[in-house]
Amino acid sequence: MSYLLLAFLSTLWGSSFLLIAIAARGFDPLSFAVVRVAIGALALWAVAARGGVAWPRGLWGRLGLMAAFGQAIPFLLIGDAAHRVSSGDLALLMGAQPIFAFVLTRLLGQSGAWSPAAALGLLCGLGGVAVAVGAPGAGDTTGRLEGLLCALGYAFGATISRPASQQIGPAGAAAVSMSLSTLALAAIWLFRNGDFAALAAAPSASWAAMAALGLFNTALAYLIYFELVVREGATFAALNNYVVPFAGLTLGALFLDERIETRALVGLALVVAGVALTGRAGFVAARRGGSGETRTCARPS
């Protein structure tokens, strides 16, 4: 049963890039970010309410950083990147998030020492990112760099989320920080546009994709993820990182007629190998009594 849930979770999060591509057709980057964080916040509050939400104490600065650099800015970046690159490329770039998280946890002193496997995994992952972003003929480099910065932002938000996740729960921390993102982006939207009337002009397909992102790819996916963490542990739940880029590339090819290039397959293989090696290094460190599993509350895409 746990493997079926893992497969379903990977499909949900892998399909996010397909939905992002559809939603972005009807929204500019700012309106995309405003609508997405608002729907995501509502969906996450529904998830958080199931287990009760404690009022965060002494965490508002951290939650603000999570909101700004782990949600608002990445959502703006991915909203623009979706106009520039394919959904498959976004899936590939987001697959590098665990590599960035691995580096950030060590830079911030949240994990143990480096190991040969970890170093090799980092080189493989960064090599895959380089192939995905900078290969000759790779297309819109700006869009790929935006996707890469988005993945880095997600990783940063996840890395600093642990204290908030421990105090008020992962869903509660994500809901609060995304609510802060909603307030900030809505204020920017109102300053620029005066009201929200322009959002109503977006096509119904884009609104449907946004709703699906909030209800299924956020709320339902979080419920399944937390269930897997309870059943099997965070290491098992993190296995979805190996499947999500494959799902994103495949769904983009099936439903959007996107071409899967050799460059993407090479980059994907290197990224997945890097995630596997760094993930194994973290698992071994936890088994040896290191810092343990880092349970984060922010999920890319």
C-alpha atoms as a PDB file:
ATOM      1  CA  MET A   1       0.000   0.000   0.000  1.00  0.00           C
ATOM      2  CA  SER A   2       2.818   2.418   0.835  1.00  0.00           C
ATOM      3  CA  TYR A   3       4.391   1.941  -2.595  1.00  0.00           C
ATOM      4  CA  LEU A   4       1.049   2.668  -4.272  1.00  0.00           C
ATOM      5  CA  LEU A   5       0.739   5.862  -2.255  1.00  0.00           C
ATOM      6  CA  LEU A   6       4.309   6.798  -3.188  1.00  0.00           C
ATOM      7  CA  ALA A   7       3.571   6.243  -6.886  1.00  0.00           C
ATOM      8  CA  PHE A   8       0.391   8.324  -6.649  1.00  0.00           C
ATOM      9  CA  LEU A   9       2.227  11.107  -4.806  1.00  0.00           C
ATOM     10  CA  SER A  10       4.977  11.152  -7.433  1.00  0.00           C
ATOM     11  CA  THR A  11       2.374  11.367 -10.187  1.00  0.00           C
ATOM     12  CA  LEU A  12       0.599  14.232  -8.438  1.00  0.00           C
ATOM     13  CA  TRP A  13       3.765  16.254  -7.969  1.00  0.00           C
ATOM     14  CA  GLY A  14       5.056  15.283 -11.410  1.00  0.00           C
ATOM     15  CA  SER A  15       1.855  16.581 -13.007  1.00  0.00           C
ATOM     16  CA  SER A  16       2.352  19.978 -11.368  1.00  0.00           C
ATOM     17  CA  PHE A  17       4.523  21.128 -14.253  1.00  0.00           C
ATOM     18  CA  LEU A  18       1.862  20.231 -16.804  1.00  0.00           C
ATOM     19  CA  LEU A  19      -0.701  22.227 -14.814  1.00  0.00           C
ATOM     20  CA  ILE A  20       1.722  25.135 -14.392  1.00  0.00           C
ATOM     21  CA  ALA A  21       2.221  25.280 -18.169  1.00  0.00           C
ATOM     22  CA  ILE A  22      -1.564  25.368 -18.729  1.00  0.00           C
ATOM     23  CA  ALA A  23      -2.195  27.916 -15.973  1.00  0.00           C
ATOM     24  CA  ALA A  24       0.580  30.233 -17.176  1.00  0.00           C
ATOM     25  CA  ARG A  25      -1.155  30.650 -20.541  1.00  0.00           C
ATOM     26  CA  GLY A  26      -3.801  32.824 -18.890  1.00  0.00           C
ATOM     27  CA  PHE A  27      -1.763  34.660 -16.258  1.00  0.00           C
ATOM     28  CA  ASP A  28       1.248  36.919 -16.266  1.00  0.00           C
ATOM     29  CA  PRO A  29       3.934  36.061 -13.657  1.00  0.00           C
ATOM     30  CA  LEU A  30       2.522  38.311 -10.914  1.00  0.00           C
ATOM     31  CA  SER A  31      -1.103  37.236 -11.334  1.00  0.00           C
ATOM     32  CA  PHE A  32       0.064  33.614 -11.566  1.00  0.00           C
ATOM     33  CA  ALA A  33       1.890  33.956  -8.247  1.00  0.00           C
ATOM     34  CA  VAL A  34      -1.001  35.788  -6.523  1.00  0.00           C
ATOM     35  CA  VAL A  35      -3.639  33.254  -7.506  1.00  0.00           C
ATOM     36  CA  ARG A  36      -1.445  30.249  -6.833  1.00  0.00           C
ATOM     37  CA  VAL A  37      -0.370  31.261  -3.326  1.00  0.00           C
ATOM     38  CA  ALA A  38      -3.949  32.204  -2.410  1.00  0.00           C
ATOM     39  CA  ILE A  39      -5.373  28.848  -3.520  1.00  0.00           C
ATOM     40  CA  GLY A  40      -2.411  27.015  -2.006  1.00  0.00           C
ATOM     41  CA  ALA A  41      -2.856  28.782   1.337  1.00  0.00           C
ATOM     42  CA  LEU A  42      -6.543  27.876   1.499  1.00  0.00           C
ATOM     43  CA  ALA A  43      -5.800  24.261   0.601  1.00  0.00           C
ATOM     44  CA  LEU A  44      -3.018  24.002   3.182  1.00  0.00           C
ATOM     45  CA  TRP A  45      -5.196  25.505   5.913  1.00  0.00           C
ATOM     46  CA  ALA A  46      -7.716  22.759   5.184  1.00  0.00           C
ATOM     47  CA  VAL A  47      -4.958  20.166   5.618  1.00  0.00           C
ATOM     48  CA  ALA A  48      -3.532  21.809   8.733  1.00  0.00           C
ATOM     49  CA  ALA A  49      -6.956  22.066  10.371  1.00  0.00           C
ATOM     50  CA  ARG A  50      -7.256  18.281  10.410  1.00  0.00           C
ATOM     51  CA  GLY A  51      -4.574  18.024  13.076  1.00  0.00           C
ATOM     52  CA  GLY A  52      -5.052  21.402  14.742  1.00  0.00           C
ATOM     53  CA  VAL A  53      -2.804  24.420  14.261  1.00  0.00           C
ATOM     54  CA  ALA A  54      -0.771  25.986  17.069  1.00  0.00           C
ATOM     55  CA  TRP A  55      -0.004  29.710  17.046  1.00  0.00           C
ATOM     56  CA  PRO A  56       3.637  30.226  16.025  1.00  0.00           C
ATOM     57  CA  ARG A  57       5.765  31.860  18.704  1.00  0.00           C
ATOM     58  CA  GLY A  58       9.089  33.475  17.937  1.00  0.00           C
ATOM     59  CA  LEU A  59       9.020  32.190  14.376  1.00  0.00           C
ATOM     60  CA  TRP A  60       7.663  35.106  12.385  1.00  0.00           C
ATOM     61  CA  GLY A  61      11.054  36.108  10.989  1.00  0.00           C
ATOM     62  CA  ARG A  62      11.742  32.574   9.821  1.00  0.00           C
ATOM     63  CA  LEU A  63       8.225  32.225   8.420  1.00  0.00           C
ATOM     64  CA  GLY A  64       8.710  35.526   6.595  1.00  0.00           C
ATOM     65  CA  LEU A  65      11.917  34.232   4.993  1.00  0.00           C
ATOM     66  CA  MET A  66      10.119  31.027   3.999  1.00  0.00           C
ATOM     67  CA  ALA A  67       7.310  33.089   2.471  1.00  0.00           C
ATOM     68  CA  ALA A  68       9.612  35.431   0.546  1.00  0.00           C
ATOM     69  CA  PHE A  69      12.371  33.140  -0.661  1.00  0.00           C
ATOM     70  CA  GLY A  70      10.643  29.752  -0.544  1.00  0.00           C
ATOM     71  CA  GLN A  71       7.289  30.722  -2.073  1.00  0.00           C
ATOM     72  CA  ALA A  72       6.602  34.248  -3.343  1.00  0.00           C
ATOM     73  CA  ILE A  73       9.806  34.789  -5.338  1.00  0.00           C
ATOM     74  CA  PRO A  74       9.960  31.203  -6.690  1.00  0.00           C
ATOM     75  CA  PHE A  75       6.305  31.395  -7.766  1.00  0.00           C
ATOM     76  CA  LEU A  76       7.037  34.622  -9.636  1.00  0.00           C
ATOM     77  CA  LEU A  77      10.062  33.024 -11.275  1.00  0.00           C
ATOM     78  CA  ILE A  78       8.285  29.836 -12.273  1.00  0.00           C
ATOM     79  CA  GLY A  79       5.338  31.856 -13.586  1.00  0.00           C
ATOM     80  CA  ASP A  80       7.684  33.595 -16.018  1.00  0.00           C
ATOM     81  CA  ALA A  81       9.753  30.486 -16.748  1.00  0.00           C
ATOM     82  CA  ALA A  82       6.586  28.623 -17.779  1.00  0.00           C
ATOM     83  CA  HIS A  83       6.244  31.124 -20.659  1.00  0.00           C
ATOM     84  CA  ARG A  84       9.823  30.469 -21.777  1.00  0.00           C
ATOM     85  CA  VAL A  85      10.561  26.752 -21.392  1.00  0.00           C
ATOM     86  CA  SER A  86       8.647  23.481 -21.579  1.00  0.00           C
ATOM     87  CA  SER A  87       6.984  21.810 -18.614  1.00  0.00           C
ATOM     88  CA  GLY A  88       9.448  18.932 -19.008  1.00  0.00           C
ATOM     89  CA  ASP A  89      12.391  21.285 -18.597  1.00  0.00           C
ATOM     90  CA  LEU A  90      10.799  22.723 -15.457  1.00  0.00           C
ATOM     91  CA  ALA A  91      10.354  19.217 -14.070  1.00  0.00           C
ATOM     92  CA  LEU A  92      14.006  18.445 -14.758  1.00  0.00           C
ATOM     93  CA  LEU A  93      15.209  21.645 -13.099  1.00  0.00           C
ATOM     94  CA  MET A  94      12.986  21.140 -10.047  1.00  0.00           C
ATOM     95  CA  GLY A  95      14.515  17.679  -9.714  1.00  0.00           C
ATOM     96  CA  ALA A  96      17.698  19.423  -8.597  1.00  0.00           C
ATOM     97  CA  GLN A  97      16.009  20.750  -5.445  1.00  0.00           C
ATOM     98  CA  PRO A  98      17.250  17.870  -3.211  1.00  0.00           C
ATOM     99  CA  ILE A  99      20.802  18.560  -4.392  1.00  0.00           C
ATOM    100  CA  PHE A 100      20.513  22.205  -3.349  1.00  0.00           C
ATOM    101  CA  ALA A 101      18.890  21.211  -0.049  1.00  0.00           C
ATOM    102  CA  PHE A 102      21.752  18.810   0.612  1.00  0.00           C
ATOM    103  CA  VAL A 103      24.305  21.601   0.175  1.00  0.00           C
ATOM    104  CA  LEU A 104      22.327  24.163   2.172  1.00  0.00           C
ATOM    105  CA  THR A 105      21.818  21.857   5.156  1.00  0.00           C
ATOM    106  CA  ARG A 106      25.565  21.394   5.381  1.00  0.00           C
ATOM    107  CA  LEU A 107      26.356  25.070   4.923  1.00  0.00           C
ATOM    108  CA  LEU A 108      23.884  25.861   7.724  1.00  0.00           C
ATOM    109  CA  GLY A 109      25.286  23.128   9.970  1.00  0.00           C
ATOM    110  CA  GLN A 110      22.120  21.031   9.956  1.00  0.00           C
ATOM    111  CA  SER A 111      23.740  17.818   8.704  1.00  0.00           C
ATOM    112  CA  GLY A 112      26.859  15.796   9.273  1.00  0.00           C
ATOM    113  CA  ALA A 113      30.201  15.755   7.517  1.00  0.00           C
ATOM    114  CA  TRP A 114      30.702  15.150   3.826  1.00  0.00           C
ATOM    115  CA  SER A 115      31.349  11.636   2.560  1.00  0.00           C
ATOM    116  CA  PRO A 116      32.795  10.377  -0.756  1.00  0.00           C
ATOM    117  CA  ALA A 117      29.303   9.264  -1.855  1.00  0.00           C
ATOM    118  CA  ALA A 118      27.859  12.666  -0.989  1.00  0.00           C
ATOM    119  CA  ALA A 119      30.611  14.483  -2.901  1.00  0.00           C
ATOM    120  CA  LEU A 120      30.120  12.256  -5.938  1.00  0.00           C
ATOM    121  CA  GLY A 121      26.358  12.765  -5.745  1.00  0.00           C
ATOM    122  CA  LEU A 122      26.812  16.519  -5.636  1.00  0.00           C
ATOM    123  CA  LEU A 123      29.063  16.446  -8.708  1.00  0.00           C
ATOM    124  CA  CYS A 124      26.574  14.268 -10.603  1.00  0.00           C
ATOM    125  CA  GLY A 125      23.658  16.506  -9.657  1.00  0.00           C
ATOM    126  CA  LEU A 126      25.409  19.723 -10.545  1.00  0.00           C
ATOM    127  CA  GLY A 127      26.593  18.144 -13.795  1.00  0.00           C
ATOM    128  CA  GLY A 128      22.995  17.296 -14.640  1.00  0.00           C
ATOM    129  CA  VAL A 129      21.926  20.853 -13.908  1.00  0.00           C
ATOM    130  CA  ALA A 130      24.717  22.196 -16.118  1.00  0.00           C
ATOM    131  CA  VAL A 131      23.599  19.957 -18.983  1.00  0.00           C
ATOM    132  CA  ALA A 132      19.966  21.003 -18.502  1.00  0.00           C
ATOM    133  CA  VAL A 133      20.698  24.730 -18.335  1.00  0.00           C
ATOM    134  CA  GLY A 134      23.776  25.426 -20.396  1.00  0.00           C
ATOM    135  CA  ALA A 135      23.978  22.833 -23.153  1.00  0.00           C
ATOM    136  CA  PRO A 136      24.392  24.246 -26.685  1.00  0.00           C
ATOM    137  CA  GLY A 137      21.018  24.629 -28.332  1.00  0.00           C
ATOM    138  CA  ALA A 138      19.184  24.268 -25.033  1.00  0.00           C
ATOM    139  CA  GLY A 139      16.845  27.145 -25.911  1.00  0.00           C
ATOM    140  CA  ASP A 140      15.785  29.956 -23.610  1.00  0.00           C
ATOM    141  CA  THR A 141      18.580  30.177 -21.053  1.00  0.00           C
ATOM    142  CA  THR A 142      16.747  32.873 -19.064  1.00  0.00           C
ATOM    143  CA  GLY A 143      13.800  30.566 -18.466  1.00  0.00           C
ATOM    144  CA  ARG A 144      16.087  27.746 -17.378  1.00  0.00           C
ATOM    145  CA  LEU A 145      17.989  29.994 -15.006  1.00  0.00           C
ATOM    146  CA  GLU A 146      14.674  31.157 -13.547  1.00  0.00           C
ATOM    147  CA  GLY A 147      13.677  27.532 -13.030  1.00  0.00           C
ATOM    148  CA  LEU A 148      17.014  26.828 -11.384  1.00  0.00           C
ATOM    149  CA  LEU A 149      16.658  29.810  -9.034  1.00  0.00           C
ATOM    150  CA  CYS A 150      13.139  28.628  -8.246  1.00  0.00           C
ATOM    151  CA  ALA A 151      14.488  25.209  -7.227  1.00  0.00           C
ATOM    152  CA  LEU A 152      17.130  26.913  -5.086  1.00  0.00           C
ATOM    153  CA  GLY A 153      14.432  29.012  -3.410  1.00  0.00           C
ATOM    154  CA  TYR A 154      12.318  25.944  -2.683  1.00  0.00           C
ATOM    155  CA  ALA A 155      15.358  24.220  -1.201  1.00  0.00           C
ATOM    156  CA  PHE A 156      16.168  27.224   0.987  1.00  0.00           C
ATOM    157  CA  GLY A 157      12.596  27.471   2.230  1.00  0.00           C
ATOM    158  CA  ALA A 158      12.539  23.768   3.030  1.00  0.00           C
ATOM    159  CA  THR A 159      15.916  23.916   4.767  1.00  0.00           C
ATOM    160  CA  ILE A 160      14.963  26.708   7.187  1.00  0.00           C
ATOM    161  CA  SER A 161      11.484  25.300   7.843  1.00  0.00           C
ATOM    162  CA  ARG A 162      12.432  22.697  10.431  1.00  0.00           C
ATOM    163  CA  PRO A 163      11.874  24.726  13.650  1.00  0.00           C
ATOM    164  CA  ALA A 164       8.482  25.937  12.421  1.00  0.00           C
ATOM    165  CA  SER A 165       7.579  22.446  11.269  1.00  0.00           C
ATOM    166  CA  GLN A 166       8.449  21.030  14.687  1.00  0.00           C
ATOM    167  CA  GLN A 167       6.489  23.685  16.595  1.00  0.00           C
ATOM    168  CA  ILE A 168       3.249  23.954  14.610  1.00  0.00           C
ATOM    169  CA  GLY A 169       3.466  21.007  12.200  1.00  0.00           C
ATOM    170  CA  PRO A 170       4.588  20.923   8.561  1.00  0.00           C
ATOM    171  CA  ALA A 171       1.152  21.763   7.155  1.00  0.00           C
ATOM    172  CA  GLY A 172       0.662  24.597   9.644  1.00  0.00           C
ATOM    173  CA  ALA A 173       4.068  26.123   8.880  1.00  0.00           C
ATOM    174  CA  ALA A 174       3.439  25.904   5.141  1.00  0.00           C
ATOM    175  CA  ALA A 175      -0.066  27.379   5.530  1.00  0.00           C
ATOM    176  CA  VAL A 176       1.134  30.330   7.631  1.00  0.00           C
ATOM    177  CA  SER A 177       4.088  31.146   5.373  1.00  0.00           C
ATOM    178  CA  MET A 178       1.951  30.854   2.249  1.00  0.00           C
ATOM    179  CA  SER A 179      -0.622  33.171   3.815  1.00  0.00           C
ATOM    180  CA  LEU A 180       2.157  35.718   4.345  1.00  0.00           C
ATOM    181  CA  SER A 181       3.123  35.268   0.688  1.00  0.00           C
ATOM    182  CA  THR A 182      -0.498  35.857  -0.327  1.00  0.00           C
ATOM    183  CA  LEU A 183      -0.708  39.103   1.644  1.00  0.00           C
ATOM    184  CA  ALA A 184       2.562  40.431   0.229  1.00  0.00           C
ATOM    185  CA  LEU A 185       1.827  39.546  -3.396  1.00  0.00           C
ATOM    186  CA  ALA A 186      -1.775  40.751  -3.151  1.00  0.00           C
ATOM    187  CA  ALA A 187      -0.513  44.108  -1.850  1.00  0.00           C
ATOM    188  CA  ILE A 188       1.855  44.396  -4.823  1.00  0.00           C
ATOM    189  CA  TRP A 189      -0.980  43.460  -7.195  1.00  0.00           C
ATOM    190  CA  LEU A 190      -3.318  46.070  -5.693  1.00  0.00           C
ATOM    191  CA  PHE A 191      -0.629  48.748  -5.839  1.00  0.00           C
ATOM    192  CA  ARG A 192      -0.090  48.015  -9.531  1.00  0.00           C
ATOM    193  CA  ASN A 193      -3.672  47.339 -10.630  1.00  0.00           C
ATOM    194  CA  GLY A 194      -6.005  48.899  -8.058  1.00  0.00           C
ATOM    195  CA  ASP A 195      -8.319  45.878  -7.777  1.00  0.00           C
ATOM    196  CA  PHE A 196      -8.541  42.191  -8.660  1.00  0.00           C
ATOM    197  CA  ALA A 197     -11.002  42.551 -11.532  1.00  0.00           C
ATOM    198  CA  ALA A 198      -8.388  41.730 -14.171  1.00  0.00           C
ATOM    199  CA  LEU A 199      -7.911  38.255 -12.720  1.00  0.00           C
ATOM    200  CA  ALA A 200     -11.450  37.325 -13.735  1.00  0.00           C
ATOM    201  CA  ALA A 201     -10.486  37.698 -17.394  1.00  0.00           C
ATOM    202  CA  ALA A 202      -8.189  34.660 -17.290  1.00  0.00           C
ATOM    203  CA  PRO A 203      -9.393  31.672 -19.363  1.00  0.00           C
ATOM    204  CA  SER A 204     -11.369  28.965 -17.587  1.00  0.00           C
ATOM    205  CA  ALA A 205      -8.697  26.371 -18.454  1.00  0.00           C
ATOM    206  CA  SER A 206      -6.074  28.407 -16.589  1.00  0.00           C
ATOM    207  CA  TRP A 207      -8.353  28.767 -13.562  1.00  0.00           C
ATOM    208  CA  ALA A 208      -9.089  25.028 -13.627  1.00  0.00           C
ATOM    209  CA  ALA A 209      -5.358  24.268 -13.700  1.00  0.00           C
ATOM    210  CA  MET A 210      -4.799  26.630 -10.774  1.00  0.00           C
ATOM    211  CA  ALA A 211      -7.607  25.002  -8.798  1.00  0.00           C
ATOM    212  CA  ALA A 212      -6.164  21.555  -9.473  1.00  0.00           C
ATOM    213  CA  LEU A 213      -2.719  22.738  -8.328  1.00  0.00           C
ATOM    214  CA  GLY A 214      -4.190  23.927  -5.038  1.00  0.00           C
ATOM    215  CA  LEU A 215      -6.624  21.108  -4.292  1.00  0.00           C
ATOM    216  CA  PHE A 216      -4.826  18.047  -5.631  1.00  0.00           C
ATOM    217  CA  ASN A 217      -1.148  18.894  -6.097  1.00  0.00           C
ATOM    218  CA  THR A 218      -0.980  20.791  -2.798  1.00  0.00           C
ATOM    219  CA  ALA A 219      -3.658  19.687  -0.317  1.00  0.00           C
ATOM    220  CA  LEU A 220      -4.125  16.048  -1.349  1.00  0.00           C
ATOM    221  CA  ALA A 221      -0.407  15.583  -2.033  1.00  0.00           C
ATOM    222  CA  TYR A 222       0.486  16.913   1.422  1.00  0.00           C
ATOM    223  CA  LEU A 223      -1.988  14.531   3.065  1.00  0.00           C
ATOM    224  CA  ILE A 224      -0.415  11.578   1.253  1.00  0.00           C
ATOM    225  CA  TYR A 225       3.110  12.794   1.995  1.00  0.00           C
ATOM    226  CA  PHE A 226       2.424  13.117   5.731  1.00  0.00           C
ATOM    227  CA  GLU A 227       0.773   9.690   5.751  1.00  0.00           C
ATOM    228  CA  LEU A 228       3.891   8.188   4.172  1.00  0.00           C
ATOM    229  CA  VAL A 229       6.133   9.937   6.702  1.00  0.00           C
ATOM    230  CA  VAL A 230       4.046   8.468   9.530  1.00  0.00           C
ATOM    231  CA  ARG A 231       3.959   4.990   7.976  1.00  0.00           C
ATOM    232  CA  GLU A 232       7.466   4.607   6.596  1.00  0.00           C
ATOM    233  CA  GLY A 233       9.524   7.653   7.612  1.00  0.00           C
ATOM    234  CA  ALA A 234      10.776  10.737   5.799  1.00  0.00           C
ATOM    235  CA  THR A 235      13.509   8.843   3.929  1.00  0.00           C
ATOM    236  CA  PHE A 236      10.940   6.605   2.228  1.00  0.00           C
ATOM    237  CA  ALA A 237       8.648   9.544   1.469  1.00  0.00           C
ATOM    238  CA  ALA A 238      11.567  11.384  -0.138  1.00  0.00           C
ATOM    239  CA  LEU A 239      11.867   8.636  -2.775  1.00  0.00           C
ATOM    240  CA  ASN A 240       9.337  10.641  -4.820  1.00  0.00           C
ATOM    241  CA  ASN A 241      12.258  12.887  -5.786  1.00  0.00           C
ATOM    242  CA  TYR A 242      13.501  10.142  -8.114  1.00  0.00           C
ATOM    243  CA  VAL A 243      10.172   9.792  -9.932  1.00  0.00           C
ATOM    244  CA  VAL A 244       8.847  13.364 -10.195  1.00  0.00           C
ATOM    245  CA  PRO A 245      11.199  14.537 -13.018  1.00  0.00           C
ATOM    246  CA  PHE A 246      10.379  11.418 -15.066  1.00  0.00           C
ATOM    247  CA  ALA A 247       6.660  12.042 -14.561  1.00  0.00           C
ATOM    248  CA  GLY A 248       7.006  15.701 -15.535  1.00  0.00           C
ATOM    249  CA  LEU A 249       8.881  14.935 -18.747  1.00  0.00           C
ATOM    250  CA  THR A 250       6.492  12.129 -19.709  1.00  0.00           C
ATOM    251  CA  LEU A 251       3.278  14.051 -19.049  1.00  0.00           C
ATOM    252  CA  GLY A 252       4.568  17.079 -20.961  1.00  0.00           C
ATOM    253  CA  ALA A 253       5.327  14.856 -23.954  1.00  0.00           C
ATOM    254  CA  LEU A 254       1.957  13.077 -23.780  1.00  0.00           C
ATOM    255  CA  PHE A 255      -0.378  16.031 -23.240  1.00  0.00           C
ATOM    256  CA  LEU A 256       1.513  19.054 -24.586  1.00  0.00           C
ATOM    257  CA  ASP A 257       3.397  17.366 -27.441  1.00  0.00           C
ATOM    258  CA  GLU A 258       6.710  18.466 -25.965  1.00  0.00           C
ATOM    259  CA  ARG A 259       9.817  16.911 -27.411  1.00  0.00           C
ATOM    260  CA  ILE A 260      12.074  15.046 -25.006  1.00  0.00           C
ATOM    261  CA  GLU A 261      15.601  15.898 -26.102  1.00  0.00           C
ATOM    262  CA  THR A 262      18.713  13.823 -25.521  1.00  0.00           C
ATOM    263  CA  ARG A 263      20.070  16.689 -23.443  1.00  0.00           C
ATOM    264  CA  ALA A 264      17.105  16.397 -21.081  1.00  0.00           C
ATOM    265  CA  LEU A 265      17.558  12.635 -20.686  1.00  0.00           C
ATOM    266  CA  VAL A 266      21.285  12.999 -19.944  1.00  0.00           C
ATOM    267  CA  GLY A 267      20.637  15.802 -17.472  1.00  0.00           C
ATOM    268  CA  LEU A 268      17.834  13.816 -15.838  1.00  0.00           C
ATOM    269  CA  ALA A 269      20.011  10.726 -15.439  1.00  0.00           C
ATOM    270  CA  LEU A 270      22.761  12.768 -13.776  1.00  0.00           C
ATOM    271  CA  VAL A 271      20.336  14.606 -11.480  1.00  0.00           C
ATOM    272  CA  VAL A 272      18.609  11.402 -10.375  1.00  0.00           C
ATOM    273  CA  ALA A 273      21.994   9.735  -9.778  1.00  0.00           C
ATOM    274  CA  GLY A 274      23.037  12.737  -7.707  1.00  0.00           C
ATOM    275  CA  VAL A 275      19.821  12.653  -5.682  1.00  0.00           C
ATOM    276  CA  ALA A 276      20.243   8.914  -5.110  1.00  0.00           C
ATOM    277  CA  LEU A 277      23.844   9.257  -3.907  1.00  0.00           C
ATOM    278  CA  THR A 278      23.256  12.257  -1.657  1.00  0.00           C
ATOM    279  CA  GLY A 279      20.068  10.697  -0.327  1.00  0.00           C
ATOM    280  CA  ARG A 280      21.910   7.506   0.537  1.00  0.00           C
ATOM    281  CA  ALA A 281      24.646   9.526   2.231  1.00  0.00           C
ATOM    282  CA  GLY A 282      22.037  11.268   4.381  1.00  0.00           C
ATOM    283  CA  PHE A 283      20.359   7.971   5.222  1.00  0.00           C
ATOM    284  CA  VAL A 284      23.660   6.389   6.296  1.00  0.00           C
ATOM    285  CA  ALA A 285      24.443   9.450   8.444  1.00  0.00           C
ATOM    286  CA  ALA A 286      21.060   9.144  10.137  1.00  0.00           C
ATOM    287  CA  ARG A 287      21.583   5.418  10.779  1.00  0.00           C
ATOM    288  CA  ARG A 288      24.943   6.191  12.395  1.00  0.00           C
ATOM    289  CA  GLY A 289      23.350   8.618  14.810  1.00  0.00           C
ATOM    290  CA  GLY A 290      23.979  11.839  12.939  1.00  0.00           C
ATOM    291  CA  SER A 291      21.558  14.697  12.661  1.00  0.00           C
ATOM    292  CA  GLY A 292      18.718  12.434  11.561  1.00  0.00           C
ATOM    293  CA  GLU A 293      16.162  12.981   8.878  1.00  0.00           C
ATOM    294  CA  THR A 294      15.378  16.558   8.070  1.00  0.00           C
ATOM    295  CA  ARG A 295      11.633  16.825   7.671  1.00  0.00           C
ATOM    296  CA  THR A 296      10.760  19.866   5.674  1.00  0.00           C
ATOM    297  CA  CYS A 297       7.395  21.451   5.043  1.00  0.00           C
ATOM    298  CA  ALA A 298       7.925  23.151   1.702  1.00  0.00           C
ATOM    299  CA  ARG A 299       7.417  21.288  -1.513  1.00  0.00           C
ATOM    300  CA  PRO A 300       8.621  22.401  -4.904  1.00  0.00           C
ATOM    301  CA  SER A 301       5.938  23.070  -7.453  1.00  0.00           C
END
